[in-house]
Amino acid sequence: MSWKQQSDVVTQENKDGSFLLHMQTGVYFGLDTVANEIWLQLKEPQNIESLTNYLVDQYQITKDQARTDSLEFISELENNNLVVEL
């Protein structure tokens, strides 16, 4: 299973992260800097393993923590129709 950004989501980055706006639903979603890093990875299809490895490499956290955090974040994005499952 992999995911990528929904094509009709507009992203506005700032120094603290970014804001997402789903153009069809009007959902407005704020991201902190770490969530924004994951979001940027999702420009291209990503599976949980690639996201986990990215977070471990960038933030020196355990694989278990990176996997748990990634799955929770992906779930939030899915619930708000901001990503599409491939």
Foldseek 3Di string as FASTA:
>chain_A
DKKAFDPQWDWDADPQAIWIARVPPRDIDGDGNVLNVLNVVRNDIDDLVVQLVVCCVPPVDDSVVSSVVVVVSVVVCVVVVGMDDD
